[in-house]
Amino acid sequence: MTITTAPPEATPLRRKRRLAATLVVWLLVLPGLAWAVTRMFGWERGIGVQFFAFTPYVAAAAWLPALIALVTRRWLAAAVAVVAAAILAVSVLPRAVAGDRGPQTGVELRVLTANVLFGGADPETLVRLVRENDVAVLAMQEFTPGMQSRLTATGMDDLLPHRSVAVEFGASGSAVYSRFPITGGGARRNGGGFLQSYGTIQPPGTGPVLVESAHPLAPYSLEVLGGWRSDLRDQPRADPQGPPRILLGDFNATLDHRPMRELIARGYRDAADADGQGLVGTWGPYDGDPFPPVTIDHVLVDRRIGVRDAEVHGVPNSDHRAVFAVLVLPAA
């Protein structure tokens, strides 16, 4: 004879609790799965475009639901969570490891790009970065008349005497400063309204090199997403039959955005990604807002150009950090 003190409703209650726990585990797992699938196929749309800049953080957090599912023995949920986390890890982690740096023999060129935030960035820091890193080409976005005057006053013209500038008040101005003479200089206004200064330089020992300060529209609202995609799509392609090209600037996109990956696939490599620095944040903002930095400033180089080094440097009075890269140009 079996005697039990459990009330008749105990077993159904345990089943309900187990079902509820399983539902909670799946609610934790499914967002990571959706994120991984969207990232894998480049399906980000709408407000998801902004959120996708934070994919590296999601990739790190995606292992927590997998651990919870394993600990609670929800084996199917655990398997799905592990697959989703693995997809995100494969998408993100290679940026933290040096990869294909391209050619390593040729003429060295040191470049720097900085968004100067409506011309308010500290000019002395920019001059110091140029001097200490022996920078030969400096690209700036949101370049204003005041910024140009302050750079001149702090000695930038002595370091980089040649320039192709398009000054405007606000966020639309652009500039390329160079140690070497610039030919064919000018600026084009992209669909988002930002100017992009460009020009051709020819350092000793190499052929002509096209340089452009890139600044596609930011995806700040649903209404401008089409313009954001168009600006990235309309960036110049690397032309294997023409001079090598360097695009550097504030692209308002990370490597987790499909349009940015498609741009790179048109004959470029990302210098920071090639050097294992592709997860270093370049835009915070750094004014106390409660969200972490993302990587939207890039140095893109024609695949005929190698990468030796890449670094990120803070610039006071700007919400962006400057990106520095040591490149290797093909010898003439």
Protein backbone atom coordinates (compact mmCIF):
# COMPACT_ATOMS: atom_id res chain seq x y z
CA MET A 1 0.00 0.00 0.00
CA THR A 2 1.42 3.43 -1.02
CA ILE A 3 0.76 6.44 1.13
CA THR A 4 1.39 9.97 -0.16
CA THR A 5 0.89 13.29 1.57
CA ALA A 6 1.04 15.32 -1.66
CA PRO A 7 -2.24 17.03 -2.51
CA PRO A 8 -3.92 15.88 -5.73
CA GLU A 9 -3.20 19.18 -7.45
CA ALA A 10 0.61 18.98 -6.81
CA THR A 11 1.48 17.15 -10.00
CA PRO A 12 -0.51 19.47 -12.32
CA LEU A 13 1.00 22.45 -10.48
CA ARG A 14 4.51 21.17 -11.05
CA ARG A 15 3.72 20.72 -14.73
CA LYS A 16 2.44 24.28 -14.99
CA ARG A 17 5.56 25.61 -13.31
CA ARG A 18 7.81 23.59 -15.57
CA LEU A 19 5.91 24.78 -18.62
CA ALA A 20 6.23 28.38 -17.45
CA ALA A 21 9.97 27.95 -16.86
CA THR A 22 10.37 26.46 -20.33
CA LEU A 23 8.47 29.38 -21.84
CA VAL A 24 10.73 31.87 -20.03
CA VAL A 25 13.84 30.09 -21.32
CA TRP A 26 12.57 30.23 -24.90
CA LEU A 27 11.70 33.91 -24.50
CA LEU A 28 15.35 34.44 -23.56
CA VAL A 29 16.67 32.35 -26.45
CA LEU A 30 14.55 33.51 -29.39
CA PRO A 31 15.73 37.15 -29.56
CA GLY A 32 19.32 35.98 -29.94
CA LEU A 33 18.28 33.55 -32.63
CA ALA A 34 16.40 36.26 -34.52
CA TRP A 35 19.39 38.60 -34.23
CA ALA A 36 21.79 35.92 -35.48
CA VAL A 37 19.64 35.04 -38.50
CA THR A 38 19.10 38.70 -39.36
CA ARG A 39 22.84 39.39 -39.12
CA MET A 40 23.71 36.33 -41.19
CA PHE A 41 21.45 37.31 -44.08
CA GLY A 42 21.72 41.10 -43.75
CA TRP A 43 18.00 41.55 -43.15
CA GLU A 44 18.22 44.51 -40.75
CA ARG A 45 15.39 46.93 -41.45
CA GLY A 46 13.65 49.86 -39.80
CA ILE A 47 14.72 50.70 -36.29
CA GLY A 48 16.79 47.52 -36.32
CA VAL A 49 19.40 49.35 -38.39
CA GLN A 50 20.32 51.49 -35.38
CA PHE A 51 20.27 48.57 -32.98
CA PHE A 52 22.51 46.48 -35.20
CA ALA A 53 25.44 48.79 -34.46
CA PHE A 54 25.47 47.06 -31.05
CA THR A 55 25.79 43.52 -32.43
CA PRO A 56 29.17 42.87 -30.71
CA TYR A 57 27.50 43.40 -27.33
CA VAL A 58 24.60 41.16 -28.29
CA ALA A 59 27.12 38.51 -29.40
CA ALA A 60 28.67 38.54 -25.93
CA ALA A 61 25.30 38.46 -24.15
CA ALA A 62 23.96 35.65 -26.36
CA TRP A 63 25.85 33.03 -24.34
CA LEU A 64 23.83 33.79 -21.19
CA PRO A 65 20.54 32.29 -22.49
CA ALA A 66 22.52 29.27 -23.68
CA LEU A 67 23.95 28.82 -20.18
CA ILE A 68 20.52 29.22 -18.56
CA ALA A 69 19.01 26.66 -20.93
CA LEU A 70 21.81 24.20 -20.19
CA VAL A 71 21.57 24.64 -16.42
CA THR A 72 17.80 24.15 -16.49
CA ARG A 73 18.13 21.17 -18.87
CA ARG A 74 16.05 22.61 -21.67
CA TRP A 75 18.12 20.76 -24.23
CA LEU A 76 16.41 21.91 -27.42
CA ALA A 77 16.45 25.54 -26.29
CA ALA A 78 20.10 25.13 -25.28
CA ALA A 79 21.01 23.77 -28.71
CA VAL A 80 19.24 26.64 -30.47
CA ALA A 81 20.88 29.20 -28.16
CA VAL A 82 24.35 27.76 -28.72
CA VAL A 83 23.88 27.84 -32.51
CA ALA A 84 22.70 31.47 -32.37
CA ALA A 85 25.59 32.50 -30.13
CA ALA A 86 28.06 30.70 -32.38
CA ILE A 87 26.73 32.48 -35.49
CA LEU A 88 27.14 35.85 -33.79
CA ALA A 89 30.61 34.94 -32.52
CA VAL A 90 31.75 33.95 -36.00
CA SER A 91 30.41 37.28 -37.30
CA VAL A 92 32.11 39.41 -34.66
CA LEU A 93 35.23 37.78 -33.20
CA PRO A 94 37.42 37.85 -36.35
CA ARG A 95 37.58 41.64 -35.97
CA ALA A 96 39.57 41.17 -32.78
CA VAL A 97 42.20 39.04 -34.55
CA ALA A 98 44.66 40.33 -37.14
CA GLY A 99 43.75 38.92 -40.53
CA ASP A 100 44.56 39.68 -44.14
CA ARG A 101 46.75 42.76 -43.95
CA GLY A 102 47.50 42.73 -47.67
CA PRO A 103 50.90 43.59 -49.19
CA GLN A 104 53.62 44.44 -46.67
CA THR A 105 56.32 45.67 -49.01
CA GLY A 106 56.13 49.09 -50.60
CA VAL A 107 55.87 52.74 -49.56
CA GLU A 108 54.56 53.52 -46.08
CA LEU A 109 51.75 56.07 -45.71
CA ARG A 110 50.35 57.15 -42.34
CA VAL A 111 46.78 58.44 -42.34
CA LEU A 112 44.33 59.78 -39.76
CA THR A 113 40.60 60.49 -39.90
CA ALA A 114 38.56 62.47 -37.39
CA ASN A 115 35.00 63.73 -37.16
CA VAL A 116 35.51 67.14 -35.55
CA LEU A 117 31.89 67.59 -34.33
CA PHE A 118 30.66 70.81 -35.92
CA GLY A 119 34.23 72.08 -35.95
CA GLY A 120 34.48 72.01 -32.15
CA ALA A 121 37.17 69.34 -31.68
CA ASP A 122 40.38 70.32 -29.95
CA PRO A 123 42.85 71.43 -32.67
CA GLU A 124 45.90 71.00 -30.45
CA THR A 125 45.11 67.31 -30.02
CA LEU A 126 44.80 66.87 -33.78
CA VAL A 127 48.13 68.63 -34.35
CA ARG A 128 49.75 66.46 -31.68
CA LEU A 129 48.38 63.26 -33.21
CA VAL A 130 49.65 64.29 -36.64
CA ARG A 131 53.08 65.19 -35.29
CA GLU A 132 53.56 62.20 -32.95
CA ASN A 133 52.34 59.64 -35.49
CA ASP A 134 54.08 61.21 -38.50
CA VAL A 135 50.70 61.47 -40.26
CA ALA A 136 50.91 62.38 -43.97
CA VAL A 137 47.17 62.53 -44.75
CA LEU A 138 44.44 63.82 -42.43
CA ALA A 139 40.75 63.58 -43.32
CA MET A 140 38.13 65.48 -41.34
CA GLN A 141 34.34 65.52 -41.35
CA GLU A 142 32.00 68.26 -40.02
CA PHE A 143 34.75 70.71 -40.99
CA THR A 144 33.92 74.39 -40.43
CA PRO A 145 35.61 77.73 -41.13
CA GLY A 146 36.38 78.06 -37.43
CA MET A 147 38.05 74.66 -37.38
CA GLN A 148 40.24 75.62 -40.30
CA SER A 149 41.30 78.86 -38.59
CA ARG A 150 42.13 77.11 -35.32
CA LEU A 151 44.17 74.44 -37.08
CA THR A 152 46.16 77.12 -38.87
CA ALA A 153 46.77 78.92 -35.58
CA THR A 154 48.06 75.75 -33.91
CA GLY A 155 50.51 74.85 -36.67
CA MET A 156 48.72 72.27 -38.81
CA ASP A 157 49.59 74.11 -42.03
CA ASP A 158 53.29 73.64 -41.28
CA LEU A 159 52.85 69.89 -40.88
CA LEU A 160 50.38 69.32 -43.72
CA PRO A 161 50.66 72.28 -46.12
CA HIS A 162 48.46 70.93 -48.92
CA ARG A 163 44.71 70.62 -48.66
CA SER A 164 41.41 70.03 -50.38
CA VAL A 165 38.74 71.59 -48.20
CA ALA A 166 35.03 72.32 -48.41
CA VAL A 167 34.17 74.40 -45.36
CA GLU A 168 30.59 74.88 -44.22
CA PHE A 169 28.95 75.68 -40.93
CA GLY A 170 27.25 72.77 -39.22
CA ALA A 171 27.94 69.13 -39.98
CA SER A 172 28.36 69.10 -43.77
CA GLY A 173 31.93 70.40 -44.24
CA SER A 174 34.86 68.20 -45.22
CA ALA A 175 38.63 68.37 -45.56
CA VAL A 176 41.71 66.46 -46.66
CA TYR A 177 45.09 67.77 -45.48
CA SER A 178 48.29 66.30 -46.93
CA ARG A 179 52.06 66.48 -46.65
CA PHE A 180 52.22 65.89 -50.38
CA PRO A 181 50.79 68.08 -53.15
CA ILE A 182 47.15 67.40 -53.98
CA THR A 183 46.03 67.36 -57.60
CA GLY A 184 42.49 67.14 -58.90
CA GLY A 185 41.16 68.31 -55.56
CA GLY A 186 37.51 69.04 -55.01
CA ALA A 187 34.42 67.99 -53.09
CA ARG A 188 31.18 66.27 -53.94
CA ARG A 189 27.94 66.51 -52.00
CA ASN A 190 26.40 63.13 -51.34
CA GLY A 191 22.69 62.42 -51.27
CA GLY A 192 22.51 63.00 -47.53
CA GLY A 193 23.84 66.54 -47.94
CA PHE A 194 27.36 66.02 -46.61
CA LEU A 195 30.40 67.16 -48.57
CA GLN A 196 33.20 64.71 -49.25
CA SER A 197 36.57 66.29 -50.06
CA TYR A 198 38.91 64.36 -52.30
CA GLY A 199 42.16 64.63 -54.19
CA THR A 200 45.10 62.70 -55.62
CA ILE A 201 48.46 62.50 -53.89
CA GLN A 202 51.72 60.88 -55.00
CA PRO A 203 54.20 60.13 -52.21
CA PRO A 204 57.78 59.51 -53.37
CA GLY A 205 58.35 55.99 -54.62
CA THR A 206 54.75 55.19 -55.51
CA GLY A 207 52.17 56.12 -58.10
CA PRO A 208 49.09 58.35 -57.73
CA VAL A 209 46.71 57.53 -54.88
CA LEU A 210 43.12 58.79 -54.61
CA VAL A 211 42.08 59.94 -51.14
CA GLU A 212 38.54 60.87 -50.07
CA SER A 213 37.02 61.98 -46.76
CA ALA A 214 33.84 59.91 -46.52
CA HIS A 215 30.71 60.96 -44.61
CA PRO A 216 27.51 59.09 -45.52
CA LEU A 217 24.24 60.09 -43.92
CA ALA A 218 23.53 58.73 -40.43
CA PRO A 219 20.49 56.39 -40.01
CA TYR A 220 19.04 58.62 -37.29
CA SER A 221 15.37 58.08 -38.22
CA LEU A 222 13.21 55.74 -40.27
CA GLU A 223 12.66 58.43 -42.89
CA VAL A 224 16.35 58.63 -43.87
CA LEU A 225 17.20 54.94 -44.06
CA GLY A 226 16.90 54.98 -47.84
CA GLY A 227 19.33 57.89 -48.03
CA TRP A 228 21.72 56.13 -45.63
CA ARG A 229 21.79 53.06 -47.85
CA SER A 230 22.17 55.17 -50.99
CA ASP A 231 25.09 57.14 -49.56
CA LEU A 232 26.94 53.94 -48.71
CA ARG A 233 26.06 52.37 -52.05
CA ASP A 234 27.26 55.46 -53.93
CA GLN A 235 30.70 55.59 -52.33
CA PRO A 236 33.34 55.14 -55.08
CA ARG A 237 34.40 51.62 -55.87
CA ALA A 238 38.01 50.55 -55.85
CA ASP A 239 39.04 50.39 -59.51
CA PRO A 240 41.71 47.73 -60.21
CA GLN A 241 42.48 49.47 -63.51
CA GLY A 242 42.95 52.91 -61.95
CA PRO A 243 44.98 54.40 -59.10
CA PRO A 244 44.58 52.80 -55.65
CA ARG A 245 41.95 54.50 -53.51
CA ILE A 246 41.65 55.27 -49.80
CA LEU A 247 38.25 56.09 -48.28
CA LEU A 248 38.47 57.26 -44.69
CA GLY A 249 36.00 58.96 -42.45
CA ASP A 250 32.75 58.70 -40.51
CA PHE A 251 30.73 56.09 -42.39
CA ASN A 252 27.85 56.02 -39.88
CA ALA A 253 27.83 52.23 -40.23
CA THR A 254 29.54 49.27 -38.61
CA LEU A 255 30.69 45.99 -40.12
CA ASP A 256 27.41 44.49 -38.90
CA HIS A 257 25.47 46.62 -41.39
CA ARG A 258 24.99 44.94 -44.74
CA PRO A 259 25.51 48.12 -46.85
CA MET A 260 28.90 48.62 -45.19
CA ARG A 261 29.95 45.04 -45.87
CA GLU A 262 28.82 45.42 -49.47
CA LEU A 263 30.93 48.57 -49.84
CA ILE A 264 34.01 46.78 -48.53
CA ALA A 265 33.32 43.89 -50.89
CA ARG A 266 33.73 46.30 -53.81
CA GLY A 267 37.51 46.07 -53.59
CA TYR A 268 38.41 47.36 -50.11
CA ARG A 269 39.70 46.14 -46.77
CA ASP A 270 39.00 47.77 -43.41
CA ALA A 271 42.31 48.75 -41.81
CA ALA A 272 41.21 48.26 -38.19
CA ASP A 273 39.58 44.93 -39.00
CA ALA A 274 42.74 43.75 -40.76
CA ASP A 275 44.84 44.72 -37.74
CA GLY A 276 42.58 43.07 -35.17
CA GLN A 277 41.26 46.41 -33.87
CA GLY A 278 37.85 46.18 -35.49
CA LEU A 279 35.91 46.06 -32.22
CA VAL A 280 37.38 49.25 -30.76
CA GLY A 281 34.57 51.79 -30.47
CA THR A 282 34.92 55.10 -32.31
CA TRP A 283 31.62 56.80 -31.44
CA GLY A 284 30.16 56.84 -27.96
CA PRO A 285 28.76 59.30 -27.62
CA TYR A 286 31.10 60.26 -24.81
CA ASP A 287 28.81 62.67 -22.97
CA GLY A 288 27.36 60.39 -20.34
CA ASP A 289 24.64 58.73 -22.38
CA PRO A 290 23.98 55.23 -21.04
CA PHE A 291 24.97 53.14 -24.03
CA PRO A 292 28.35 51.78 -25.13
CA PRO A 293 30.54 52.92 -28.03
CA VAL A 294 30.21 51.54 -31.55
CA THR A 295 32.62 51.38 -34.48
CA ILE A 296 31.41 53.66 -37.28
CA ASP A 297 34.65 55.44 -38.28
CA HIS A 298 36.82 53.53 -40.72
CA VAL A 299 39.86 53.59 -42.96
CA LEU A 300 39.03 51.62 -46.10
CA VAL A 301 41.89 50.85 -48.46
CA ASP A 302 42.07 49.43 -51.95
CA ARG A 303 43.08 45.78 -51.71
CA ARG A 304 46.36 46.64 -53.44
CA ILE A 305 47.24 48.61 -50.30
CA GLY A 306 48.52 46.82 -47.21
CA VAL A 307 47.89 47.55 -43.53
CA ARG A 308 50.66 47.52 -40.93
CA ASP A 309 48.92 49.08 -37.95
CA ALA A 310 45.66 50.69 -36.82
CA GLU A 311 44.84 52.59 -33.64
CA VAL A 312 42.01 54.66 -32.18
CA HIS A 313 42.67 57.93 -30.29
CA GLY A 314 40.40 60.15 -28.25
CA VAL A 315 39.87 63.76 -29.33
CA PRO A 316 38.52 66.23 -26.73
CA ASN A 317 35.32 68.09 -27.65
CA SER A 318 34.30 65.51 -30.24
CA ASP A 319 31.91 62.60 -29.81
CA HIS A 320 34.07 60.58 -32.23
CA ARG A 321 37.50 59.10 -31.74
CA ALA A 322 40.14 59.47 -34.44
CA VAL A 323 41.27 56.43 -36.43
CA PHE A 324 44.97 56.18 -37.32
CA ALA A 325 46.40 53.66 -39.78
CA VAL A 326 49.81 52.80 -41.16
CA LEU A 327 49.38 51.72 -44.79
CA VAL A 328 51.66 50.21 -47.42
CA LEU A 329 51.30 51.60 -50.93
CA PRO A 330 52.49 49.65 -53.97
CA ALA A 331 55.96 50.74 -55.08
CA ALA A 332 56.20 52.47 -58.44
